[in-house]
């Protein structure tokens, strides 16, 4: 038993006022819990996640009020909610801030030979891992050449030989719940290249 759950002297509690407050809080909790359960049972999984979070938040508030009413009447708290909140705050404080940067660039190839030559030279200077046959991936396509150049110098969209940028865009997003982190091991990486739920703080576009 913690000190929080140790009963206080009866003369400080168990008054008519605390009995009324506890009865009212218990009634609200029963009603909210039934409404919460009915809402959950009616869900199919297709609803907006925000709806679920709103139901959870409403129930959490009523539970806290009931817990306070029990303490006000008996001097004890059946649910150690403050400790749980403190643990969550400690965990949040230890977590690093996450920023999601999402970009897309559409490129037009007007000189494939120049691009392939630059890609092959970049591969020679910074060879990637060999494939299963022990050979390097041949640089015989525009996308392979761009890949090899980008591995060497990073995002060189404005300086790629034989390439003209059609359009480009980049957004900086501060994620908010529900936040699904990017899965670098996903089978379909393309589906991961979307802005997460959150607030876009900055954006850049090129055309």
N, C-alpha and C. Protein backbone atom coordinates (compact mmCIF):
# COMPACT_ATOMS: atom_id res chain seq x y z
N UNK A 1 0.85 -1.20 0.00
CA UNK A 1 0.00 0.00 0.00
C UNK A 1 0.88 1.25 0.00
N UNK A 2 0.58 2.17 -0.84
CA UNK A 2 1.32 3.42 -0.86
C UNK A 2 0.66 4.42 0.05
N UNK A 3 1.39 5.48 0.32
CA UNK A 3 0.85 6.52 1.20
C UNK A 3 -0.42 7.11 0.62
N UNK A 4 -0.52 7.14 -0.70
CA UNK A 4 -1.70 7.71 -1.36
C UNK A 4 -2.94 6.91 -1.03
N UNK A 5 -2.80 5.60 -0.77
CA UNK A 5 -3.95 4.75 -0.51
C UNK A 5 -4.21 4.56 0.97
N UNK A 6 -3.47 5.23 1.86
CA UNK A 6 -3.67 5.09 3.29
C UNK A 6 -4.84 5.95 3.73
N UNK A 7 -5.88 5.36 4.35
CA UNK A 7 -7.05 6.15 4.75
C UNK A 7 -6.68 7.27 5.71
N UNK A 8 -7.30 8.42 5.54
CA UNK A 8 -7.10 9.55 6.43
C UNK A 8 -8.11 9.48 7.57
N UNK A 9 -7.91 10.25 8.63
CA UNK A 9 -8.88 10.26 9.74
C UNK A 9 -10.29 10.55 9.25
N UNK A 10 -11.25 9.83 9.78
CA UNK A 10 -12.62 9.91 9.29
C UNK A 10 -13.22 11.29 9.43
N UNK A 11 -12.80 12.07 10.46
CA UNK A 11 -13.41 13.37 10.67
C UNK A 11 -13.10 14.35 9.56
N UNK A 12 -12.06 14.07 8.76
CA UNK A 12 -11.70 14.96 7.66
C UNK A 12 -12.51 14.67 6.40
N UNK A 13 -13.17 13.53 6.37
CA UNK A 13 -13.86 13.11 5.16
C UNK A 13 -15.26 12.60 5.52
N UNK A 14 -15.85 11.82 4.61
CA UNK A 14 -17.13 11.16 4.85
C UNK A 14 -18.22 12.15 5.29
N UNK A 15 -18.24 13.30 4.63
CA UNK A 15 -19.27 14.30 4.93
C UNK A 15 -20.43 14.14 3.97
N UNK A 16 -21.50 14.87 4.24
CA UNK A 16 -22.66 14.82 3.35
C UNK A 16 -22.30 15.35 1.97
N UNK A 17 -21.44 16.38 1.95
CA UNK A 17 -21.05 16.97 0.68
C UNK A 17 -20.23 15.98 -0.16
N UNK A 18 -19.28 15.29 0.51
CA UNK A 18 -18.44 14.34 -0.25
C UNK A 18 -19.26 13.14 -0.71
N UNK A 19 -20.28 12.75 0.08
CA UNK A 19 -21.14 11.64 -0.36
C UNK A 19 -21.91 12.03 -1.62
N UNK A 20 -22.43 13.26 -1.62
CA UNK A 20 -23.17 13.73 -2.79
C UNK A 20 -22.27 13.81 -4.02
N UNK A 21 -21.07 14.35 -3.82
CA UNK A 21 -20.13 14.48 -4.93
C UNK A 21 -19.74 13.12 -5.49
N UNK A 22 -19.52 12.16 -4.61
CA UNK A 22 -19.13 10.81 -5.07
C UNK A 22 -20.29 10.14 -5.79
N UNK A 23 -21.50 10.30 -5.29
CA UNK A 23 -22.66 9.69 -5.95
C UNK A 23 -22.84 10.27 -7.35
N UNK A 24 -22.68 11.58 -7.48
CA UNK A 24 -22.84 12.21 -8.78
C UNK A 24 -21.72 11.77 -9.73
N UNK A 25 -20.50 11.71 -9.23
CA UNK A 25 -19.38 11.31 -10.07
C UNK A 25 -19.52 9.86 -10.52
N UNK A 26 -20.03 9.00 -9.63
CA UNK A 26 -20.22 7.60 -9.98
C UNK A 26 -21.31 7.44 -11.03
N UNK A 27 -22.37 8.24 -10.93
CA UNK A 27 -23.44 8.19 -11.92
C UNK A 27 -22.94 8.62 -13.29
N UNK A 28 -22.15 9.70 -13.32
CA UNK A 28 -21.59 10.17 -14.59
C UNK A 28 -20.63 9.14 -15.18
N UNK A 29 -19.85 8.50 -14.32
CA UNK A 29 -18.91 7.48 -14.80
C UNK A 29 -19.67 6.31 -15.41
N UNK A 30 -20.74 5.87 -14.74
CA UNK A 30 -21.51 4.73 -15.27
C UNK A 30 -22.12 5.07 -16.62
N UNK A 31 -22.66 6.28 -16.74
CA UNK A 31 -23.28 6.70 -18.00
C UNK A 31 -22.24 6.84 -19.10
N UNK A 32 -21.09 7.45 -18.76
CA UNK A 32 -20.04 7.65 -19.76
C UNK A 32 -19.45 6.33 -20.21
N UNK A 33 -19.27 5.42 -19.26
CA UNK A 33 -18.70 4.11 -19.58
C UNK A 33 -19.63 3.34 -20.51
N UNK A 34 -20.95 3.40 -20.26
CA UNK A 34 -21.89 2.71 -21.13
C UNK A 34 -21.91 3.34 -22.52
N UNK A 35 -21.88 4.68 -22.57
CA UNK A 35 -21.86 5.36 -23.87
C UNK A 35 -20.57 5.05 -24.63
N UNK A 36 -19.48 4.99 -23.90
CA UNK A 36 -18.19 4.67 -24.51
C UNK A 36 -18.21 3.26 -25.08
N UNK A 37 -18.75 2.33 -24.31
CA UNK A 37 -18.82 0.94 -24.77
C UNK A 37 -19.71 0.81 -26.00
N UNK A 38 -20.87 1.49 -25.98
CA UNK A 38 -21.78 1.44 -27.13
C UNK A 38 -21.10 1.99 -28.38
N UNK A 39 -20.34 3.09 -28.22
CA UNK A 39 -19.65 3.69 -29.36
C UNK A 39 -18.60 2.76 -29.92
N UNK A 40 -17.86 2.09 -29.05
CA UNK A 40 -16.83 1.17 -29.51
C UNK A 40 -17.43 -0.03 -30.22
N UNK A 41 -18.52 -0.56 -29.69
CA UNK A 41 -19.15 -1.72 -30.30
C UNK A 41 -19.73 -1.39 -31.67
N UNK A 42 -20.08 -0.14 -31.87
CA UNK A 42 -20.67 0.26 -33.16
C UNK A 42 -19.61 0.52 -34.22
N UNK A 43 -18.35 0.61 -33.83
CA UNK A 43 -17.29 0.90 -34.79
C UNK A 43 -16.96 -0.31 -35.65
N UNK A 44 -16.58 -0.05 -36.88
CA UNK A 44 -16.22 -1.11 -37.83
C UNK A 44 -14.74 -1.09 -38.19
N UNK A 45 -14.03 -0.03 -37.79
CA UNK A 45 -12.63 0.09 -38.15
C UNK A 45 -12.40 1.07 -39.28
N UNK A 46 -13.48 1.53 -39.91
CA UNK A 46 -13.37 2.46 -41.02
C UNK A 46 -13.45 3.92 -40.58
N UNK A 47 -13.72 4.15 -39.28
CA UNK A 47 -13.90 5.51 -38.80
C UNK A 47 -12.57 6.26 -38.71
N UNK A 48 -12.70 7.58 -38.69
CA UNK A 48 -11.53 8.43 -38.46
C UNK A 48 -10.99 8.14 -37.05
N UNK A 49 -9.67 7.99 -36.93
CA UNK A 49 -9.07 7.70 -35.63
C UNK A 49 -9.37 8.80 -34.62
N UNK A 50 -9.56 10.02 -35.08
CA UNK A 50 -9.84 11.12 -34.16
C UNK A 50 -11.12 10.88 -33.38
N UNK A 51 -12.08 10.18 -33.99
CA UNK A 51 -13.33 9.87 -33.30
C UNK A 51 -13.05 8.99 -32.09
N UNK A 52 -12.22 7.99 -32.27
CA UNK A 52 -11.86 7.10 -31.17
C UNK A 52 -11.13 7.85 -30.07
N UNK A 53 -10.22 8.73 -30.46
CA UNK A 53 -9.46 9.49 -29.47
C UNK A 53 -10.37 10.41 -28.67
N UNK A 54 -11.37 10.97 -29.33
CA UNK A 54 -12.32 11.84 -28.62
C UNK A 54 -13.10 11.06 -27.59
N UNK A 55 -13.55 9.84 -27.95
CA UNK A 55 -14.27 9.00 -26.98
C UNK A 55 -13.36 8.65 -25.81
N UNK A 56 -12.12 8.29 -26.10
CA UNK A 56 -11.19 7.91 -25.04
C UNK A 56 -10.93 9.09 -24.10
N UNK A 57 -10.76 10.27 -24.68
CA UNK A 57 -10.48 11.46 -23.86
C UNK A 57 -11.66 11.80 -22.96
N UNK A 58 -12.88 11.64 -23.49
CA UNK A 58 -14.07 11.93 -22.69
C UNK A 58 -14.16 10.98 -21.50
N UNK A 59 -13.89 9.70 -21.74
CA UNK A 59 -13.93 8.73 -20.65
C UNK A 59 -12.83 8.99 -19.64
N UNK A 60 -11.66 9.35 -20.11
CA UNK A 60 -10.53 9.61 -19.21
C UNK A 60 -10.86 10.74 -18.25
N UNK A 61 -11.50 11.80 -18.76
CA UNK A 61 -11.85 12.93 -17.90
C UNK A 61 -12.83 12.54 -16.82
N UNK A 62 -13.83 11.72 -17.16
CA UNK A 62 -14.83 11.30 -16.18
C UNK A 62 -14.20 10.38 -15.13
N UNK A 63 -13.28 9.51 -15.57
CA UNK A 63 -12.59 8.62 -14.62
C UNK A 63 -11.77 9.45 -13.63
N UNK A 64 -11.10 10.47 -14.10
CA UNK A 64 -10.31 11.32 -13.21
C UNK A 64 -11.22 12.02 -12.20
N UNK A 65 -12.37 12.51 -12.65
CA UNK A 65 -13.31 13.17 -11.74
C UNK A 65 -13.81 12.20 -10.68
N UNK A 66 -14.11 10.97 -11.08
CA UNK A 66 -14.59 9.96 -10.12
C UNK A 66 -13.49 9.61 -9.12
N UNK A 67 -12.27 9.48 -9.60
CA UNK A 67 -11.15 9.18 -8.71
C UNK A 67 -10.96 10.30 -7.68
N UNK A 68 -11.10 11.54 -8.13
CA UNK A 68 -10.98 12.68 -7.22
C UNK A 68 -12.11 12.66 -6.20
N UNK A 69 -13.32 12.28 -6.64
CA UNK A 69 -14.46 12.25 -5.73
C UNK A 69 -14.28 11.17 -4.66
N UNK A 70 -13.72 10.03 -5.05
CA UNK A 70 -13.44 8.97 -4.07
C UNK A 70 -12.43 9.47 -3.04
N UNK A 71 -11.39 10.15 -3.51
CA UNK A 71 -10.39 10.68 -2.58
C UNK A 71 -11.00 11.74 -1.67
N UNK A 72 -11.86 12.59 -2.26
CA UNK A 72 -12.49 13.61 -1.45
C UNK A 72 -13.37 13.04 -0.36
N UNK A 73 -13.95 11.86 -0.58
CA UNK A 73 -14.84 11.25 0.40
C UNK A 73 -14.09 10.36 1.38
N UNK A 74 -13.10 9.61 0.91
CA UNK A 74 -12.44 8.61 1.76
C UNK A 74 -10.99 8.92 2.10
N UNK A 75 -10.38 9.84 1.36
CA UNK A 75 -8.97 10.10 1.57
C UNK A 75 -8.06 9.09 0.89
N UNK A 76 -8.64 8.25 0.05
CA UNK A 76 -7.85 7.26 -0.70
C UNK A 76 -8.19 7.38 -2.18
N UNK A 77 -7.25 6.95 -3.01
CA UNK A 77 -7.46 6.96 -4.46
C UNK A 77 -7.36 5.54 -4.99
N UNK A 78 -8.46 4.98 -5.50
CA UNK A 78 -8.42 3.60 -6.01
C UNK A 78 -7.56 3.46 -7.26
N UNK A 79 -7.43 4.54 -8.03
CA UNK A 79 -6.63 4.49 -9.26
C UNK A 79 -5.49 5.48 -9.14
N UNK A 80 -4.27 5.00 -9.30
CA UNK A 80 -3.10 5.86 -9.19
C UNK A 80 -2.86 6.59 -10.51
N UNK A 81 -3.79 7.46 -10.87
CA UNK A 81 -3.73 8.14 -12.16
C UNK A 81 -2.58 9.13 -12.22
N UNK A 82 -2.29 9.81 -11.12
CA UNK A 82 -1.21 10.79 -11.13
C UNK A 82 0.12 10.13 -11.45
N UNK A 83 0.35 8.95 -10.89
CA UNK A 83 1.59 8.24 -11.16
C UNK A 83 1.69 7.87 -12.63
N UNK A 84 0.56 7.44 -13.21
CA UNK A 84 0.55 7.05 -14.62
C UNK A 84 0.86 8.24 -15.50
N UNK A 85 0.28 9.41 -15.15
CA UNK A 85 0.54 10.61 -15.93
C UNK A 85 2.00 11.01 -15.83
N UNK A 86 2.56 10.91 -14.61
CA UNK A 86 3.96 11.26 -14.43
C UNK A 86 4.85 10.37 -15.26
N UNK A 87 4.53 9.07 -15.31
CA UNK A 87 5.33 8.14 -16.12
C UNK A 87 5.28 8.51 -17.58
N UNK A 88 4.07 8.88 -18.06
CA UNK A 88 3.92 9.25 -19.46
C UNK A 88 4.70 10.52 -19.76
N UNK A 89 4.68 11.50 -18.82
CA UNK A 89 5.40 12.73 -19.03
C UNK A 89 6.90 12.48 -19.08
N UNK A 90 7.38 11.56 -18.21
CA UNK A 90 8.80 11.23 -18.22
C UNK A 90 9.19 10.59 -19.54
N UNK A 91 8.33 9.70 -20.05
CA UNK A 91 8.62 9.05 -21.32
C UNK A 91 8.64 10.06 -22.45
N UNK A 92 7.66 10.99 -22.44
CA UNK A 92 7.61 12.01 -23.48
C UNK A 92 8.85 12.90 -23.43
N UNK A 93 9.31 13.22 -22.20
CA UNK A 93 10.47 14.10 -22.07
C UNK A 93 11.72 13.44 -22.61
N UNK A 94 11.78 12.11 -22.53
CA UNK A 94 12.96 11.40 -22.98
C UNK A 94 12.97 11.19 -24.49
N UNK A 95 11.82 11.32 -25.13
CA UNK A 95 11.74 11.08 -26.56
C UNK A 95 12.27 12.28 -27.34
N UNK A 96 12.99 12.00 -28.41
CA UNK A 96 13.48 13.06 -29.28
C UNK A 96 12.35 13.57 -30.16
N UNK A 97 12.44 14.83 -30.54
CA UNK A 97 11.45 15.39 -31.44
C UNK A 97 11.61 14.77 -32.82
N UNK A 98 10.49 14.53 -33.47
CA UNK A 98 10.49 13.93 -34.80
C UNK A 98 10.02 14.95 -35.83
N UNK A 99 10.77 15.08 -36.91
CA UNK A 99 10.39 15.93 -38.04
C UNK A 99 10.39 15.03 -39.28
N UNK A 100 9.31 15.06 -40.03
CA UNK A 100 9.23 14.28 -41.26
C UNK A 100 9.42 15.22 -42.45
N UNK A 101 10.36 14.88 -43.30
CA UNK A 101 10.63 15.67 -44.51
C UNK A 101 10.23 14.83 -45.71
N UNK A 102 9.25 15.29 -46.44
CA UNK A 102 8.72 14.54 -47.57
C UNK A 102 8.96 15.35 -48.84
N UNK A 103 9.51 14.71 -49.87
CA UNK A 103 9.82 15.45 -51.10
C UNK A 103 9.49 14.62 -52.33
N UNK A 104 9.32 15.32 -53.44
CA UNK A 104 9.10 14.69 -54.74
C UNK A 104 9.67 15.60 -55.81
N UNK A 105 10.37 14.98 -56.80
CA UNK A 105 10.93 15.73 -57.90
C UNK A 105 10.62 14.99 -59.20
N UNK A 106 10.00 15.69 -60.13
CA UNK A 106 9.73 15.14 -61.45
C UNK A 106 10.79 15.68 -62.42
N UNK A 107 11.48 14.76 -63.10
CA UNK A 107 12.63 15.13 -63.94
C UNK A 107 12.41 14.70 -65.39
N UNK A 108 12.86 15.53 -66.32
CA UNK A 108 12.79 15.19 -67.74
C UNK A 108 14.21 14.94 -68.27
N UNK A 109 14.39 13.80 -68.92
CA UNK A 109 15.71 13.45 -69.48
C UNK A 109 15.78 13.98 -70.91
N UNK A 110 16.74 14.87 -71.16
CA UNK A 110 16.90 15.37 -72.52
C UNK A 110 18.24 14.93 -73.13
N UNK A 111 19.15 14.39 -72.32
CA UNK A 111 20.43 13.89 -72.84
C UNK A 111 20.79 12.64 -72.05
N UNK A 112 20.28 11.49 -72.49
CA UNK A 112 20.47 10.25 -71.76
C UNK A 112 21.95 9.85 -71.73
N UNK A 113 22.66 10.04 -72.83
CA UNK A 113 24.06 9.64 -72.88
C UNK A 113 24.89 10.36 -71.82
N UNK A 114 24.68 11.66 -71.67
CA UNK A 114 25.42 12.45 -70.68
C UNK A 114 25.08 11.98 -69.27
N UNK A 115 23.82 11.67 -69.07
CA UNK A 115 23.38 11.21 -67.74
C UNK A 115 24.00 9.85 -67.41
N UNK A 116 23.99 8.92 -68.38
CA UNK A 116 24.57 7.60 -68.15
C UNK A 116 26.07 7.68 -67.89
N UNK A 117 26.75 8.54 -68.62
CA UNK A 117 28.19 8.69 -68.42
C UNK A 117 28.48 9.19 -67.00
N UNK A 118 27.71 10.17 -66.55
CA UNK A 118 27.91 10.70 -65.20
C UNK A 118 27.58 9.66 -64.14
N UNK A 119 26.54 8.85 -64.40
CA UNK A 119 26.16 7.80 -63.46
C UNK A 119 27.22 6.73 -63.35
N UNK A 120 27.81 6.34 -64.46
CA UNK A 120 28.87 5.31 -64.45
C UNK A 120 30.11 5.83 -63.74
N UNK A 121 30.43 7.09 -63.94
CA UNK A 121 31.60 7.67 -63.27
C UNK A 121 31.37 7.73 -61.76
N UNK A 122 30.16 8.07 -61.36
CA UNK A 122 29.85 8.12 -59.93
C UNK A 122 29.93 6.73 -59.32
N UNK A 123 29.48 5.71 -60.06
CA UNK A 123 29.54 4.35 -59.55
C UNK A 123 30.98 3.90 -59.38
N UNK A 124 31.86 4.30 -60.28
CA UNK A 124 33.28 3.94 -60.18
C UNK A 124 33.91 4.58 -58.95
N UNK A 125 33.52 5.81 -58.68
CA UNK A 125 34.11 6.51 -57.53
C UNK A 125 33.54 6.01 -56.20
N UNK A 126 32.26 5.66 -56.20
CA UNK A 126 31.61 5.20 -54.97
C UNK A 126 30.78 3.95 -55.28
N UNK A 127 31.46 2.82 -55.46
CA UNK A 127 30.74 1.59 -55.81
C UNK A 127 29.80 1.14 -54.70
N UNK A 128 28.60 0.72 -55.10
CA UNK A 128 27.64 0.17 -54.15
C UNK A 128 27.96 -1.29 -53.91
N UNK A 129 27.16 -1.94 -53.05
CA UNK A 129 27.37 -3.35 -52.79
C UNK A 129 27.12 -4.16 -54.07
N UNK A 130 27.88 -5.24 -54.22
CA UNK A 130 27.72 -6.09 -55.39
C UNK A 130 26.43 -6.88 -55.28
N UNK A 131 25.86 -7.25 -56.44
CA UNK A 131 24.65 -8.06 -56.42
C UNK A 131 25.00 -9.52 -56.18
N UNK A 132 24.02 -10.40 -56.25
CA UNK A 132 24.23 -11.81 -55.93
C UNK A 132 25.26 -12.47 -56.84
N UNK A 133 25.41 -11.97 -58.07
CA UNK A 133 26.38 -12.56 -59.00
C UNK A 133 27.79 -12.06 -58.78
N UNK A 134 27.95 -11.08 -57.88
CA UNK A 134 29.26 -10.51 -57.64
C UNK A 134 29.58 -9.35 -58.55
N UNK A 135 28.60 -8.90 -59.32
CA UNK A 135 28.80 -7.78 -60.24
C UNK A 135 28.05 -6.56 -59.75
N UNK A 136 28.44 -5.42 -60.28
CA UNK A 136 27.71 -4.19 -59.98
C UNK A 136 26.49 -4.08 -60.88
N UNK A 137 25.49 -3.35 -60.39
CA UNK A 137 24.32 -3.10 -61.22
C UNK A 137 24.76 -2.26 -62.42
N UNK A 138 24.47 -2.68 -63.65
CA UNK A 138 24.88 -1.89 -64.81
C UNK A 138 24.11 -0.56 -64.86
N UNK A 139 24.83 0.49 -65.19
CA UNK A 139 24.19 1.80 -65.30
C UNK A 139 23.73 1.96 -66.74
N UNK A 140 22.56 1.41 -67.02
CA UNK A 140 22.04 1.46 -68.39
C UNK A 140 20.65 2.07 -68.46
N UNK A 141 20.25 2.79 -67.41
CA UNK A 141 18.94 3.46 -67.42
C UNK A 141 19.08 4.79 -66.70
N UNK A 142 18.16 5.69 -66.99
CA UNK A 142 18.21 7.02 -66.38
C UNK A 142 18.08 6.92 -64.87
N UNK A 143 17.14 6.07 -64.39
CA UNK A 143 16.93 5.99 -62.95
C UNK A 143 18.14 5.41 -62.22
N UNK A 144 18.83 4.43 -62.87
CA UNK A 144 20.03 3.86 -62.25
C UNK A 144 21.14 4.91 -62.18
N UNK A 145 21.26 5.70 -63.23
CA UNK A 145 22.28 6.76 -63.24
C UNK A 145 22.00 7.80 -62.16
N UNK A 146 20.74 8.21 -62.04
CA UNK A 146 20.38 9.20 -61.01
C UNK A 146 20.63 8.62 -59.62
N UNK A 147 20.33 7.33 -59.44
CA UNK A 147 20.58 6.66 -58.16
C UNK A 147 22.06 6.70 -57.80
N UNK A 148 22.92 6.36 -58.76
CA UNK A 148 24.37 6.33 -58.50
C UNK A 148 24.89 7.73 -58.18
N UNK A 149 24.44 8.74 -58.91
CA UNK A 149 24.89 10.11 -58.66
C UNK A 149 24.42 10.59 -57.30
N UNK A 150 23.20 10.27 -56.94
CA UNK A 150 22.65 10.69 -55.66
C UNK A 150 23.36 10.02 -54.50
N UNK A 151 23.78 8.76 -54.70
CA UNK A 151 24.54 8.08 -53.65
C UNK A 151 25.85 8.81 -53.37
N UNK A 152 26.41 9.43 -54.39
CA UNK A 152 27.71 10.08 -54.23
C UNK A 152 27.58 11.49 -53.69
N UNK A 153 26.64 12.27 -54.20
CA UNK A 153 26.60 13.69 -53.85
C UNK A 153 25.32 14.12 -53.16
N UNK A 154 24.40 13.21 -52.89
CA UNK A 154 23.14 13.59 -52.27
C UNK A 154 22.12 14.05 -53.31
N UNK A 155 21.22 14.91 -52.89
CA UNK A 155 20.16 15.36 -53.78
C UNK A 155 20.69 16.43 -54.74
N UNK A 156 21.04 15.98 -55.94
CA UNK A 156 21.63 16.90 -56.94
C UNK A 156 20.64 17.19 -58.05
N UNK A 157 19.38 17.41 -57.69
CA UNK A 157 18.33 17.54 -58.70
C UNK A 157 18.59 18.67 -59.67
N UNK A 158 19.26 19.73 -59.22
CA UNK A 158 19.47 20.90 -60.07
C UNK A 158 20.75 20.79 -60.90
N UNK A 159 21.55 19.77 -60.66
CA UNK A 159 22.86 19.68 -61.31
C UNK A 159 23.06 18.36 -62.06
N UNK A 160 22.02 17.58 -62.24
CA UNK A 160 22.17 16.30 -62.94
C UNK A 160 22.41 16.53 -64.43
N UNK A 161 23.46 15.95 -65.00
CA UNK A 161 23.72 16.12 -66.43
C UNK A 161 22.59 15.52 -67.27
N UNK A 162 22.18 16.26 -68.29
CA UNK A 162 21.15 15.75 -69.19
C UNK A 162 19.77 15.72 -68.60
N UNK A 163 19.55 16.42 -67.50
CA UNK A 163 18.26 16.39 -66.81
C UNK A 163 17.71 17.81 -66.66
N UNK A 164 16.42 17.95 -66.87
CA UNK A 164 15.71 19.20 -66.62
C UNK A 164 14.63 18.93 -65.58
N UNK A 165 14.57 19.73 -64.54
CA UNK A 165 13.53 19.54 -63.54
C UNK A 165 12.20 20.06 -64.04
N UNK A 166 11.19 19.22 -64.03
CA UNK A 166 9.84 19.63 -64.41
C UNK A 166 9.19 20.34 -63.24
N UNK A 167 9.27 19.74 -62.07
CA UNK A 167 8.70 20.33 -60.86
C UNK A 167 9.26 19.59 -59.65
N UNK A 168 9.28 20.29 -58.53
CA UNK A 168 9.75 19.68 -57.29
C UNK A 168 9.02 20.29 -56.11
N UNK A 169 8.92 19.52 -55.03
CA UNK A 169 8.26 20.02 -53.83
C UNK A 169 8.84 19.30 -52.61
N UNK A 170 8.93 20.03 -51.50
CA UNK A 170 9.40 19.44 -50.26
C UNK A 170 8.60 20.06 -49.11
N UNK A 171 8.16 19.22 -48.18
CA UNK A 171 7.40 19.70 -47.03
C UNK A 171 8.05 19.18 -45.75
N UNK A 172 8.04 20.04 -44.73
CA UNK A 172 8.55 19.69 -43.41
C UNK A 172 7.35 19.58 -42.47
N UNK A 173 7.16 18.39 -41.90
CA UNK A 173 5.95 18.11 -41.13
C UNK A 173 6.32 17.72 -39.71
N UNK A 174 5.65 18.33 -38.73
CA UNK A 174 5.77 17.92 -37.33
C UNK A 174 4.63 16.93 -37.08
N UNK A 175 4.96 15.64 -36.91
CA UNK A 175 3.91 14.63 -36.78
C UNK A 175 3.05 14.82 -35.53
N UNK A 176 1.78 14.42 -35.64
CA UNK A 176 0.85 14.42 -34.53
C UNK A 176 0.14 13.08 -34.49
N UNK A 177 -0.33 12.66 -33.32
CA UNK A 177 -1.09 11.40 -33.25
C UNK A 177 -2.36 11.48 -34.08
N UNK A 178 -2.75 10.41 -34.74
CA UNK A 178 -2.04 9.13 -34.82
C UNK A 178 -0.89 9.21 -35.82
N UNK A 179 0.32 8.89 -35.36
CA UNK A 179 1.52 8.99 -36.19
C UNK A 179 2.06 7.60 -36.49
N UNK A 180 2.15 7.27 -37.77
CA UNK A 180 2.71 6.00 -38.20
C UNK A 180 4.12 6.25 -38.72
N UNK A 181 5.15 5.84 -37.97
CA UNK A 181 6.52 6.06 -38.44
C UNK A 181 6.78 5.39 -39.78
N UNK A 182 7.68 5.96 -40.55
CA UNK A 182 8.06 5.37 -41.84
C UNK A 182 8.67 4.00 -41.61
N UNK A 183 8.21 3.02 -42.36
CA UNK A 183 8.72 1.66 -42.27
C UNK A 183 9.76 1.46 -43.38
N UNK A 184 11.03 1.55 -43.00
CA UNK A 184 12.10 1.43 -43.99
C UNK A 184 12.20 0.04 -44.57
N UNK A 185 11.58 -0.94 -43.92
CA UNK A 185 11.63 -2.32 -44.39
C UNK A 185 10.35 -2.74 -45.12
N UNK A 186 9.49 -1.78 -45.41
CA UNK A 186 8.22 -2.11 -46.07
C UNK A 186 8.48 -2.69 -47.46
N UNK A 187 7.65 -3.65 -47.85
CA UNK A 187 7.79 -4.26 -49.17
C UNK A 187 7.51 -3.24 -50.27
N UNK A 188 6.54 -2.38 -50.04
CA UNK A 188 6.20 -1.34 -51.02
C UNK A 188 6.59 0.01 -50.44
N UNK A 189 7.82 0.44 -50.72
CA UNK A 189 8.32 1.68 -50.14
C UNK A 189 7.53 2.89 -50.65
N UNK A 190 6.99 2.80 -51.85
CA UNK A 190 6.27 3.92 -52.43
C UNK A 190 5.10 4.34 -51.54
N UNK A 191 4.44 3.36 -50.92
CA UNK A 191 3.30 3.69 -50.05
C UNK A 191 3.75 4.43 -48.80
N UNK A 192 5.03 4.36 -48.46
CA UNK A 192 5.53 5.06 -47.28
C UNK A 192 5.87 6.51 -47.57
N UNK A 193 5.94 6.87 -48.85
CA UNK A 193 6.38 8.21 -49.24
C UNK A 193 5.21 9.18 -49.29
N UNK A 194 4.53 9.32 -48.18
CA UNK A 194 3.43 10.28 -48.06
C UNK A 194 3.64 11.06 -46.76
N UNK A 195 3.12 12.27 -46.73
CA UNK A 195 3.26 13.08 -45.52
C UNK A 195 2.46 12.46 -44.38
N UNK A 196 3.04 12.33 -43.20
CA UNK A 196 2.30 11.78 -42.07
C UNK A 196 1.29 12.77 -41.54
N UNK A 197 0.42 12.30 -40.67
CA UNK A 197 -0.52 13.19 -40.01
C UNK A 197 0.26 14.18 -39.14
N UNK A 198 -0.02 15.47 -39.31
CA UNK A 198 0.71 16.47 -38.54
C UNK A 198 0.57 17.85 -39.15
N UNK A 199 1.44 18.75 -38.72
CA UNK A 199 1.40 20.15 -39.16
C UNK A 199 2.60 20.43 -40.06
N UNK A 200 2.33 20.90 -41.28
CA UNK A 200 3.41 21.27 -42.20
C UNK A 200 3.89 22.67 -41.81
N UNK A 201 5.14 22.75 -41.34
CA UNK A 201 5.67 24.03 -40.87
C UNK A 201 6.34 24.83 -41.98
N UNK A 202 6.91 24.14 -42.95
CA UNK A 202 7.58 24.82 -44.07
C UNK A 202 7.35 24.02 -45.34
N UNK A 203 7.40 24.69 -46.46
CA UNK A 203 7.25 24.01 -47.74
C UNK A 203 8.06 24.76 -48.80
N UNK A 204 8.60 23.99 -49.74
CA UNK A 204 9.38 24.54 -50.84
C UNK A 204 8.86 23.92 -52.14
N UNK A 205 8.81 24.72 -53.18
CA UNK A 205 8.40 24.21 -54.47
C UNK A 205 9.33 24.78 -55.55
N UNK A 206 9.52 23.99 -56.59
CA UNK A 206 10.33 24.41 -57.74
C UNK A 206 9.60 24.05 -59.01
N UNK A 207 9.73 24.88 -60.02
CA UNK A 207 9.11 24.61 -61.31
C UNK A 207 9.92 25.28 -62.40
